[in-house]
N, C-alpha and C. Protein backbone atom coordinates (compact mmCIF):
# COMPACT_ATOMS: atom_id res chain seq x y z
N MET A 1 11.52 -152.48 39.89
CA MET A 1 11.10 -153.60 39.07
C MET A 1 11.82 -153.54 37.72
N PRO A 2 12.26 -154.67 37.22
CA PRO A 2 12.92 -154.70 35.92
C PRO A 2 11.98 -154.28 34.79
N GLY A 3 12.53 -153.71 33.76
CA GLY A 3 11.75 -153.37 32.58
C GLY A 3 11.48 -154.60 31.74
N GLY A 4 10.40 -154.56 30.98
CA GLY A 4 10.11 -155.60 30.01
C GLY A 4 9.46 -156.86 30.56
N VAL A 5 9.26 -156.95 31.86
CA VAL A 5 8.68 -158.16 32.45
C VAL A 5 7.21 -158.26 32.03
N PRO A 6 6.80 -159.41 31.49
CA PRO A 6 5.41 -159.55 31.05
C PRO A 6 4.42 -159.42 32.21
N PRO A 7 3.25 -158.83 31.95
CA PRO A 7 2.22 -158.73 33.00
C PRO A 7 1.91 -160.11 33.58
N GLY A 8 1.76 -160.12 34.89
CA GLY A 8 1.49 -161.38 35.58
C GLY A 8 2.74 -162.09 36.06
N ARG A 9 3.91 -161.63 35.62
CA ARG A 9 5.17 -162.28 36.03
C ARG A 9 5.98 -161.40 36.98
N GLU A 10 5.43 -160.27 37.39
CA GLU A 10 6.17 -159.30 38.21
C GLU A 10 6.56 -159.86 39.57
N LEU A 11 5.84 -160.85 40.07
CA LEU A 11 6.11 -161.39 41.40
C LEU A 11 6.99 -162.63 41.38
N ASP A 12 7.48 -163.03 40.21
CA ASP A 12 8.39 -164.17 40.14
C ASP A 12 9.67 -163.83 40.89
N THR A 13 10.07 -164.68 41.80
CA THR A 13 11.32 -164.49 42.54
C THR A 13 12.06 -165.82 42.62
N LEU A 14 13.29 -165.76 43.04
CA LEU A 14 14.03 -167.00 43.28
C LEU A 14 13.48 -167.70 44.52
N LEU A 15 12.96 -166.92 45.47
CA LEU A 15 12.45 -167.50 46.70
C LEU A 15 11.12 -168.22 46.51
N ASN A 16 10.29 -167.77 45.55
CA ASN A 16 9.01 -168.46 45.36
C ASN A 16 9.05 -169.45 44.19
N PHE A 17 10.23 -169.71 43.67
CA PHE A 17 10.39 -170.73 42.62
C PHE A 17 10.30 -172.11 43.28
N ARG A 18 9.40 -172.90 42.80
CA ARG A 18 9.26 -174.26 43.32
C ARG A 18 10.17 -175.18 42.53
N ALA A 19 11.36 -175.33 43.04
CA ALA A 19 12.36 -176.13 42.33
C ALA A 19 11.92 -177.59 42.27
N VAL A 20 11.82 -178.08 41.08
CA VAL A 20 11.49 -179.49 40.87
C VAL A 20 12.78 -180.21 40.49
N ALA A 21 12.73 -181.51 40.52
CA ALA A 21 13.91 -182.30 40.18
C ALA A 21 14.48 -181.84 38.84
N GLY A 22 15.78 -181.69 38.79
CA GLY A 22 16.44 -181.29 37.56
C GLY A 22 16.64 -179.80 37.42
N MET A 23 16.22 -178.99 38.43
CA MET A 23 16.35 -177.54 38.33
C MET A 23 17.25 -176.94 39.41
N LYS A 24 17.75 -177.75 40.33
CA LYS A 24 18.59 -177.24 41.42
C LYS A 24 19.83 -176.53 40.88
N GLU A 25 20.48 -177.10 39.89
CA GLU A 25 21.68 -176.49 39.31
C GLU A 25 21.35 -175.15 38.65
N ALA A 26 20.18 -175.03 38.04
CA ALA A 26 19.77 -173.77 37.42
C ALA A 26 19.57 -172.68 38.47
N VAL A 27 18.95 -173.04 39.59
CA VAL A 27 18.77 -172.08 40.68
C VAL A 27 20.14 -171.64 41.19
N GLU A 28 21.04 -172.58 41.39
CA GLU A 28 22.40 -172.25 41.86
C GLU A 28 23.12 -171.34 40.87
N ALA A 29 22.93 -171.57 39.57
CA ALA A 29 23.57 -170.72 38.55
C ALA A 29 23.08 -169.28 38.66
N CYS A 30 21.80 -169.10 38.95
CA CYS A 30 21.25 -167.74 39.11
C CYS A 30 21.84 -167.06 40.33
N TYR A 31 22.00 -167.79 41.41
CA TYR A 31 22.64 -167.21 42.61
C TYR A 31 24.11 -166.90 42.36
N ARG A 32 24.82 -167.75 41.62
CA ARG A 32 26.22 -167.45 41.27
C ARG A 32 26.31 -166.15 40.48
N LEU A 33 25.38 -165.95 39.57
CA LEU A 33 25.34 -164.73 38.78
C LEU A 33 25.12 -163.52 39.68
N LEU A 34 24.18 -163.63 40.61
CA LEU A 34 23.91 -162.52 41.53
C LEU A 34 25.11 -162.21 42.42
N ARG A 35 25.88 -163.23 42.78
CA ARG A 35 27.06 -163.02 43.62
C ARG A 35 28.27 -162.53 42.83
N GLY A 36 28.15 -162.46 41.50
CA GLY A 36 29.26 -162.00 40.67
C GLY A 36 30.31 -163.05 40.41
N GLU A 37 29.98 -164.31 40.61
CA GLU A 37 30.94 -165.40 40.39
C GLU A 37 31.05 -165.78 38.92
N THR A 38 30.11 -165.34 38.13
CA THR A 38 30.09 -165.60 36.69
C THR A 38 29.38 -164.44 36.03
N TRP A 39 29.58 -164.26 34.75
CA TRP A 39 28.91 -163.15 34.07
C TRP A 39 27.58 -163.59 33.46
N CYS A 40 27.35 -164.91 33.32
CA CYS A 40 26.11 -165.33 32.67
C CYS A 40 25.55 -166.60 33.28
N ALA A 41 24.25 -166.77 33.05
CA ALA A 41 23.56 -168.03 33.31
C ALA A 41 22.85 -168.38 32.00
N PHE A 42 23.17 -169.53 31.45
CA PHE A 42 22.59 -169.99 30.19
C PHE A 42 21.77 -171.23 30.50
N LEU A 43 20.47 -171.03 30.66
CA LEU A 43 19.56 -172.09 31.07
C LEU A 43 18.90 -172.70 29.84
N ILE A 44 19.21 -173.95 29.59
CA ILE A 44 18.71 -174.59 28.38
C ILE A 44 18.01 -175.89 28.76
N GLY A 45 16.89 -176.15 28.12
CA GLY A 45 16.14 -177.37 28.42
C GLY A 45 14.73 -177.30 27.89
N GLY A 46 13.94 -178.27 28.27
CA GLY A 46 12.58 -178.40 27.75
C GLY A 46 11.65 -177.26 28.13
N PHE A 47 10.44 -177.35 27.61
CA PHE A 47 9.41 -176.35 27.84
C PHE A 47 8.83 -176.47 29.25
N GLY A 48 8.45 -175.32 29.82
CA GLY A 48 7.63 -175.31 31.03
C GLY A 48 8.30 -175.78 32.30
N ASN A 49 9.62 -175.70 32.38
CA ASN A 49 10.27 -176.19 33.60
C ASN A 49 10.73 -175.07 34.53
N GLY A 50 10.45 -173.81 34.18
CA GLY A 50 10.74 -172.71 35.09
C GLY A 50 11.91 -171.83 34.72
N LYS A 51 12.49 -172.00 33.56
CA LYS A 51 13.64 -171.18 33.16
C LYS A 51 13.29 -169.70 33.14
N THR A 52 12.13 -169.35 32.60
CA THR A 52 11.72 -167.94 32.54
C THR A 52 11.47 -167.40 33.94
N HIS A 53 10.85 -168.19 34.80
CA HIS A 53 10.63 -167.77 36.19
C HIS A 53 11.98 -167.46 36.85
N LEU A 54 12.96 -168.32 36.65
CA LEU A 54 14.28 -168.08 37.25
C LEU A 54 14.92 -166.82 36.69
N ALA A 55 14.79 -166.59 35.40
CA ALA A 55 15.37 -165.39 34.79
C ALA A 55 14.74 -164.13 35.38
N ILE A 56 13.42 -164.09 35.43
CA ILE A 56 12.72 -162.93 35.98
C ILE A 56 13.01 -162.80 37.48
N GLY A 57 13.01 -163.91 38.19
CA GLY A 57 13.31 -163.88 39.62
C GLY A 57 14.70 -163.32 39.90
N THR A 58 15.66 -163.66 39.07
CA THR A 58 17.02 -163.14 39.23
C THR A 58 17.04 -161.64 38.98
N LEU A 59 16.34 -161.19 37.95
CA LEU A 59 16.25 -159.75 37.69
C LEU A 59 15.60 -159.02 38.86
N ASN A 60 14.51 -159.59 39.39
CA ASN A 60 13.83 -158.96 40.53
C ASN A 60 14.76 -158.86 41.73
N GLN A 61 15.49 -159.92 42.02
CA GLN A 61 16.42 -159.89 43.15
C GLN A 61 17.51 -158.84 42.92
N TRP A 62 17.98 -158.74 41.70
CA TRP A 62 19.01 -157.75 41.34
C TRP A 62 18.52 -156.33 41.63
N THR A 63 17.32 -156.01 41.14
CA THR A 63 16.81 -154.65 41.33
C THR A 63 16.44 -154.38 42.79
N MET A 64 15.89 -155.37 43.48
CA MET A 64 15.52 -155.19 44.88
C MET A 64 16.75 -154.94 45.76
N SER A 65 17.90 -155.45 45.33
CA SER A 65 19.13 -155.25 46.10
C SER A 65 19.77 -153.89 45.81
N GLY A 66 19.14 -153.10 44.91
CA GLY A 66 19.64 -151.76 44.62
C GLY A 66 20.87 -151.73 43.74
N ARG A 67 21.08 -152.78 42.95
CA ARG A 67 22.29 -152.87 42.14
C ARG A 67 22.14 -152.26 40.74
N GLY A 68 21.00 -151.67 40.49
CA GLY A 68 20.82 -151.02 39.20
C GLY A 68 19.67 -151.58 38.41
N HIS A 69 19.51 -151.03 37.22
CA HIS A 69 18.40 -151.39 36.35
C HIS A 69 18.60 -152.79 35.77
N ALA A 70 17.51 -153.44 35.46
CA ALA A 70 17.54 -154.75 34.81
C ALA A 70 16.45 -154.75 33.74
N PHE A 71 16.65 -155.57 32.71
CA PHE A 71 15.67 -155.61 31.63
C PHE A 71 15.48 -157.04 31.16
N PHE A 72 14.23 -157.38 30.85
CA PHE A 72 13.84 -158.69 30.36
C PHE A 72 13.29 -158.53 28.94
N ALA A 73 13.67 -159.42 28.04
CA ALA A 73 13.10 -159.40 26.69
C ALA A 73 12.98 -160.82 26.14
N LYS A 74 11.86 -161.08 25.51
CA LYS A 74 11.74 -162.30 24.70
C LYS A 74 12.60 -162.05 23.47
N LEU A 75 13.47 -162.96 23.16
CA LEU A 75 14.42 -162.73 22.07
C LEU A 75 13.74 -162.44 20.73
N PRO A 76 12.68 -163.16 20.35
CA PRO A 76 12.03 -162.81 19.08
C PRO A 76 11.50 -161.37 19.07
N ASP A 77 10.99 -160.89 20.20
CA ASP A 77 10.49 -159.52 20.28
C ASP A 77 11.63 -158.51 20.20
N TRP A 78 12.76 -158.81 20.86
CA TRP A 78 13.91 -157.91 20.81
C TRP A 78 14.44 -157.79 19.37
N LEU A 79 14.52 -158.90 18.68
CA LEU A 79 14.99 -158.86 17.30
C LEU A 79 14.01 -158.12 16.39
N ALA A 80 12.71 -158.26 16.63
CA ALA A 80 11.72 -157.50 15.85
C ALA A 80 11.91 -156.01 16.08
N LEU A 81 12.17 -155.61 17.32
CA LEU A 81 12.42 -154.21 17.63
C LEU A 81 13.68 -153.73 16.91
N MET A 82 14.73 -154.52 16.92
CA MET A 82 15.97 -154.14 16.25
C MET A 82 15.74 -153.98 14.73
N ARG A 83 14.99 -154.92 14.14
CA ARG A 83 14.70 -154.82 12.70
C ARG A 83 13.90 -153.57 12.38
N LYS A 84 12.93 -153.26 13.26
CA LYS A 84 12.10 -152.08 13.05
C LYS A 84 12.93 -150.80 13.03
N HIS A 85 13.99 -150.77 13.80
CA HIS A 85 14.83 -149.58 13.90
C HIS A 85 16.08 -149.65 13.03
N ALA A 86 16.21 -150.70 12.23
CA ALA A 86 17.38 -150.84 11.36
C ALA A 86 17.45 -149.68 10.36
N VAL A 87 16.30 -149.29 9.85
CA VAL A 87 16.21 -148.12 8.97
C VAL A 87 15.17 -147.20 9.63
N PRO A 88 15.63 -146.32 10.52
CA PRO A 88 14.69 -145.53 11.30
C PRO A 88 13.94 -144.49 10.48
N ASP A 89 12.68 -144.28 10.87
CA ASP A 89 11.91 -143.17 10.31
C ASP A 89 12.42 -141.89 10.96
N GLU A 90 12.02 -140.77 10.39
CA GLU A 90 12.43 -139.48 10.95
C GLU A 90 12.01 -139.37 12.41
N GLY A 91 12.93 -138.98 13.26
CA GLY A 91 12.65 -138.81 14.67
C GLY A 91 12.74 -140.09 15.49
N GLN A 92 13.02 -141.20 14.85
CA GLN A 92 13.09 -142.49 15.52
C GLN A 92 14.56 -142.82 15.80
N VAL A 93 14.83 -143.49 16.92
CA VAL A 93 16.21 -143.89 17.22
C VAL A 93 16.63 -145.01 16.28
N ASP A 94 17.93 -145.11 16.05
CA ASP A 94 18.39 -146.19 15.18
C ASP A 94 18.79 -147.42 15.99
N SER A 95 19.02 -148.52 15.30
CA SER A 95 19.30 -149.79 15.96
C SER A 95 20.64 -149.75 16.71
N GLU A 96 21.60 -148.96 16.25
CA GLU A 96 22.87 -148.85 16.97
C GLU A 96 22.68 -148.26 18.35
N TYR A 97 21.84 -147.24 18.45
CA TYR A 97 21.53 -146.63 19.73
C TYR A 97 20.85 -147.66 20.65
N LEU A 98 19.89 -148.41 20.11
CA LEU A 98 19.21 -149.44 20.90
C LEU A 98 20.19 -150.50 21.36
N LEU A 99 21.03 -150.97 20.45
CA LEU A 99 22.01 -151.99 20.80
C LEU A 99 22.90 -151.51 21.94
N ASP A 100 23.39 -150.29 21.84
CA ASP A 100 24.25 -149.73 22.88
C ASP A 100 23.55 -149.72 24.23
N ASN A 101 22.25 -149.41 24.24
CA ASN A 101 21.49 -149.39 25.49
C ASN A 101 21.33 -150.79 26.09
N TYR A 102 21.12 -151.80 25.25
CA TYR A 102 21.00 -153.17 25.76
C TYR A 102 22.35 -153.71 26.20
N VAL A 103 23.42 -153.28 25.58
CA VAL A 103 24.75 -153.67 26.03
C VAL A 103 25.02 -153.07 27.41
N ALA A 104 24.59 -151.83 27.62
CA ALA A 104 24.91 -151.09 28.84
C ALA A 104 24.04 -151.43 30.03
N VAL A 105 22.84 -151.99 29.84
CA VAL A 105 21.97 -152.26 30.98
C VAL A 105 22.71 -153.16 31.97
N PRO A 106 22.66 -152.83 33.27
CA PRO A 106 23.44 -153.59 34.24
C PRO A 106 23.13 -155.09 34.32
N MET A 107 21.86 -155.48 34.14
CA MET A 107 21.48 -156.90 34.16
C MET A 107 20.44 -157.12 33.07
N LEU A 108 20.67 -158.12 32.23
CA LEU A 108 19.79 -158.40 31.09
C LEU A 108 19.41 -159.86 31.07
N ALA A 109 18.14 -160.13 30.77
CA ALA A 109 17.68 -161.50 30.54
C ALA A 109 17.06 -161.57 29.15
N LEU A 110 17.52 -162.52 28.36
CA LEU A 110 16.96 -162.79 27.04
C LEU A 110 16.33 -164.17 27.09
N ASP A 111 15.04 -164.23 26.82
CA ASP A 111 14.26 -165.46 26.94
C ASP A 111 14.00 -166.06 25.57
N ASP A 112 14.10 -167.38 25.48
CA ASP A 112 13.71 -168.14 24.29
C ASP A 112 14.68 -168.02 23.11
N LEU A 113 15.98 -168.06 23.39
CA LEU A 113 16.97 -168.15 22.31
C LEU A 113 16.65 -169.38 21.46
N GLY A 114 16.63 -169.20 20.16
CA GLY A 114 16.31 -170.29 19.25
C GLY A 114 14.87 -170.26 18.78
N ALA A 115 14.02 -169.47 19.45
CA ALA A 115 12.62 -169.35 19.02
C ALA A 115 12.46 -168.29 17.95
N GLU A 116 13.50 -167.48 17.75
CA GLU A 116 13.42 -166.40 16.77
C GLU A 116 13.54 -166.96 15.34
N ARG A 117 13.01 -166.20 14.40
CA ARG A 117 13.17 -166.55 12.98
C ARG A 117 14.61 -166.22 12.62
N ALA A 118 15.34 -167.23 12.22
CA ALA A 118 16.76 -167.05 11.93
C ALA A 118 16.95 -166.22 10.66
N THR A 119 17.61 -165.09 10.81
CA THR A 119 17.99 -164.26 9.68
C THR A 119 19.43 -163.84 9.89
N GLU A 120 20.08 -163.45 8.82
CA GLU A 120 21.47 -162.99 8.92
C GLU A 120 21.54 -161.74 9.80
N TYR A 121 20.60 -160.81 9.61
CA TYR A 121 20.59 -159.59 10.40
C TYR A 121 20.38 -159.90 11.88
N GLY A 122 19.40 -160.73 12.19
CA GLY A 122 19.12 -161.07 13.58
C GLY A 122 20.29 -161.77 14.25
N GLY A 123 20.90 -162.71 13.54
CA GLY A 123 22.05 -163.41 14.08
C GLY A 123 23.21 -162.47 14.37
N GLU A 124 23.41 -161.51 13.47
CA GLU A 124 24.48 -160.52 13.67
C GLU A 124 24.21 -159.65 14.89
N GLN A 125 22.96 -159.18 15.05
CA GLN A 125 22.63 -158.31 16.18
C GLN A 125 22.76 -159.06 17.50
N LEU A 126 22.29 -160.29 17.54
CA LEU A 126 22.39 -161.09 18.76
C LEU A 126 23.86 -161.36 19.09
N TYR A 127 24.65 -161.72 18.10
CA TYR A 127 26.08 -161.95 18.32
C TYR A 127 26.73 -160.68 18.87
N ARG A 128 26.45 -159.54 18.25
CA ARG A 128 27.05 -158.28 18.70
C ARG A 128 26.68 -157.97 20.14
N LEU A 129 25.41 -158.16 20.50
CA LEU A 129 24.97 -157.90 21.86
C LEU A 129 25.69 -158.81 22.86
N LEU A 130 25.65 -160.11 22.61
CA LEU A 130 26.22 -161.04 23.57
C LEU A 130 27.74 -160.98 23.60
N ASP A 131 28.36 -160.72 22.48
CA ASP A 131 29.82 -160.59 22.45
C ASP A 131 30.27 -159.40 23.29
N ARG A 132 29.58 -158.29 23.13
CA ARG A 132 29.95 -157.08 23.89
C ARG A 132 29.64 -157.24 25.38
N ARG A 133 28.54 -157.90 25.72
CA ARG A 133 28.23 -158.14 27.13
C ARG A 133 29.24 -159.12 27.73
N CYS A 134 29.63 -160.12 26.97
CA CYS A 134 30.64 -161.07 27.43
C CYS A 134 31.96 -160.35 27.69
N ASP A 135 32.42 -159.54 26.74
CA ASP A 135 33.67 -158.81 26.90
C ASP A 135 33.64 -157.91 28.14
N ALA A 136 32.50 -157.27 28.38
CA ALA A 136 32.35 -156.36 29.53
C ALA A 136 31.99 -157.11 30.82
N ARG A 137 31.69 -158.43 30.69
CA ARG A 137 31.27 -159.26 31.82
C ARG A 137 30.05 -158.67 32.53
N ARG A 138 29.11 -158.19 31.71
CA ARG A 138 27.85 -157.65 32.24
C ARG A 138 26.90 -158.81 32.51
N PRO A 139 26.33 -158.87 33.70
CA PRO A 139 25.45 -159.98 34.07
C PRO A 139 24.31 -160.18 33.06
N THR A 140 24.20 -161.42 32.58
CA THR A 140 23.27 -161.76 31.50
C THR A 140 22.71 -163.16 31.75
N ILE A 141 21.40 -163.30 31.55
CA ILE A 141 20.74 -164.60 31.61
C ILE A 141 20.13 -164.86 30.24
N VAL A 142 20.34 -166.05 29.73
CA VAL A 142 19.74 -166.45 28.46
C VAL A 142 19.06 -167.79 28.69
N THR A 143 17.82 -167.91 28.21
CA THR A 143 17.11 -169.19 28.29
C THR A 143 16.86 -169.70 26.87
N SER A 144 16.74 -171.02 26.76
CA SER A 144 16.47 -171.62 25.46
C SER A 144 15.84 -172.99 25.63
N ASN A 145 14.96 -173.32 24.69
CA ASN A 145 14.39 -174.67 24.59
C ASN A 145 15.10 -175.48 23.51
N ALA A 146 15.96 -174.83 22.75
CA ALA A 146 16.63 -175.48 21.62
C ALA A 146 17.80 -176.34 22.11
N ALA A 147 18.15 -177.31 21.31
CA ALA A 147 19.33 -178.12 21.60
C ALA A 147 20.58 -177.26 21.37
N VAL A 148 21.59 -177.45 22.18
CA VAL A 148 22.81 -176.66 22.09
C VAL A 148 23.38 -176.70 20.68
N ASP A 149 23.40 -177.88 20.06
CA ASP A 149 24.00 -177.99 18.72
C ASP A 149 23.16 -177.35 17.62
N ALA A 150 21.94 -176.91 17.94
CA ALA A 150 21.09 -176.21 16.96
C ALA A 150 21.31 -174.70 17.01
N LEU A 151 22.08 -174.23 17.99
CA LEU A 151 22.31 -172.79 18.17
C LEU A 151 23.63 -172.36 17.53
N ASP A 152 23.75 -171.07 17.25
CA ASP A 152 24.96 -170.51 16.68
C ASP A 152 26.14 -170.82 17.60
N PRO A 153 27.15 -171.53 17.11
CA PRO A 153 28.27 -171.90 17.97
C PRO A 153 29.03 -170.70 18.54
N ARG A 154 29.01 -169.57 17.86
CA ARG A 154 29.67 -168.37 18.39
C ARG A 154 28.96 -167.89 19.65
N ILE A 155 27.64 -168.00 19.66
CA ILE A 155 26.85 -167.60 20.83
C ILE A 155 27.08 -168.60 21.96
N VAL A 156 26.99 -169.89 21.65
CA VAL A 156 27.17 -170.93 22.67
C VAL A 156 28.55 -170.81 23.30
N SER A 157 29.56 -170.53 22.51
CA SER A 157 30.92 -170.40 23.03
C SER A 157 31.00 -169.30 24.09
N ARG A 158 30.32 -168.19 23.85
CA ARG A 158 30.36 -167.08 24.79
C ARG A 158 29.56 -167.37 26.06
N LEU A 159 28.51 -168.16 25.93
CA LEU A 159 27.63 -168.45 27.07
C LEU A 159 28.01 -169.72 27.83
N ARG A 160 28.93 -170.49 27.29
CA ARG A 160 29.25 -171.80 27.86
C ARG A 160 29.60 -171.74 29.35
N GLU A 161 30.24 -170.67 29.78
CA GLU A 161 30.62 -170.51 31.19
C GLU A 161 29.43 -170.69 32.13
N GLY A 162 28.24 -170.27 31.70
CA GLY A 162 27.05 -170.35 32.54
C GLY A 162 26.07 -171.43 32.13
N LEU A 163 26.48 -172.34 31.26
CA LEU A 163 25.56 -173.34 30.72
C LEU A 163 25.08 -174.33 31.79
N VAL A 164 23.76 -174.43 31.88
CA VAL A 164 23.12 -175.41 32.75
C VAL A 164 22.03 -176.08 31.92
N VAL A 165 22.08 -177.40 31.83
CA VAL A 165 21.04 -178.15 31.15
C VAL A 165 19.97 -178.49 32.19
N CYS A 166 18.78 -177.97 31.97
CA CYS A 166 17.64 -178.17 32.88
C CYS A 166 16.90 -179.43 32.44
N ARG A 167 16.88 -180.42 33.29
CA ARG A 167 16.33 -181.73 32.92
C ARG A 167 14.98 -182.02 33.59
N SER A 168 14.23 -180.98 33.84
CA SER A 168 12.93 -181.13 34.48
C SER A 168 11.83 -181.29 33.42
N PRO A 169 10.79 -182.03 33.75
CA PRO A 169 9.66 -182.13 32.82
C PRO A 169 8.85 -180.83 32.81
N ASP A 170 7.95 -180.72 31.86
CA ASP A 170 7.04 -179.58 31.77
C ASP A 170 6.09 -179.62 32.97
N VAL A 171 6.19 -178.60 33.82
CA VAL A 171 5.32 -178.55 34.99
C VAL A 171 4.37 -177.34 34.93
N ARG A 172 4.34 -176.68 33.78
CA ARG A 172 3.48 -175.51 33.64
C ARG A 172 2.04 -175.90 33.96
N GLY A 173 1.42 -175.13 34.83
CA GLY A 173 0.03 -175.40 35.19
C GLY A 173 -0.15 -176.50 36.22
N LYS A 174 0.96 -177.16 36.62
CA LYS A 174 0.86 -178.25 37.60
C LYS A 174 1.32 -177.84 38.99
N LEU A 175 1.86 -176.64 39.11
CA LEU A 175 2.38 -176.22 40.43
C LEU A 175 1.29 -175.63 41.28
């Protein structure tokens, strides 16, 4: 099982995702990522249409196939962790060590890009993570509810290869 998956979401898979209109391309992008045809899937669109389910489902399929460790993180939580370790207390790991570990994880999903509190430090850490994963072509899924033009263009440029605009309505609680 991937690390970081929120309780109650452990059983999300690509097979039990109920694809609604406007999400077929997102499902296909996740399968392309699993097949190694692309290094990223960048799922962007409205709230409650299943982007997080697809991200977790892709991680679950990755680990079940024995391809290595996978990790899921809500982006605001990941940045809070990085800030906490920016100036480590005695005996605590520093943010460089953490960053290196997130760069190295075989499959990573970052959920809710654009929901984080924008700071110079956070933007720099996110850029460094995604730039290094892009250079290494390490499988990465990023989800966002924000408009593409509201996001850091350096980040969007790196993720553009996997960009899918999800045009499904909010179906949370309706499935």
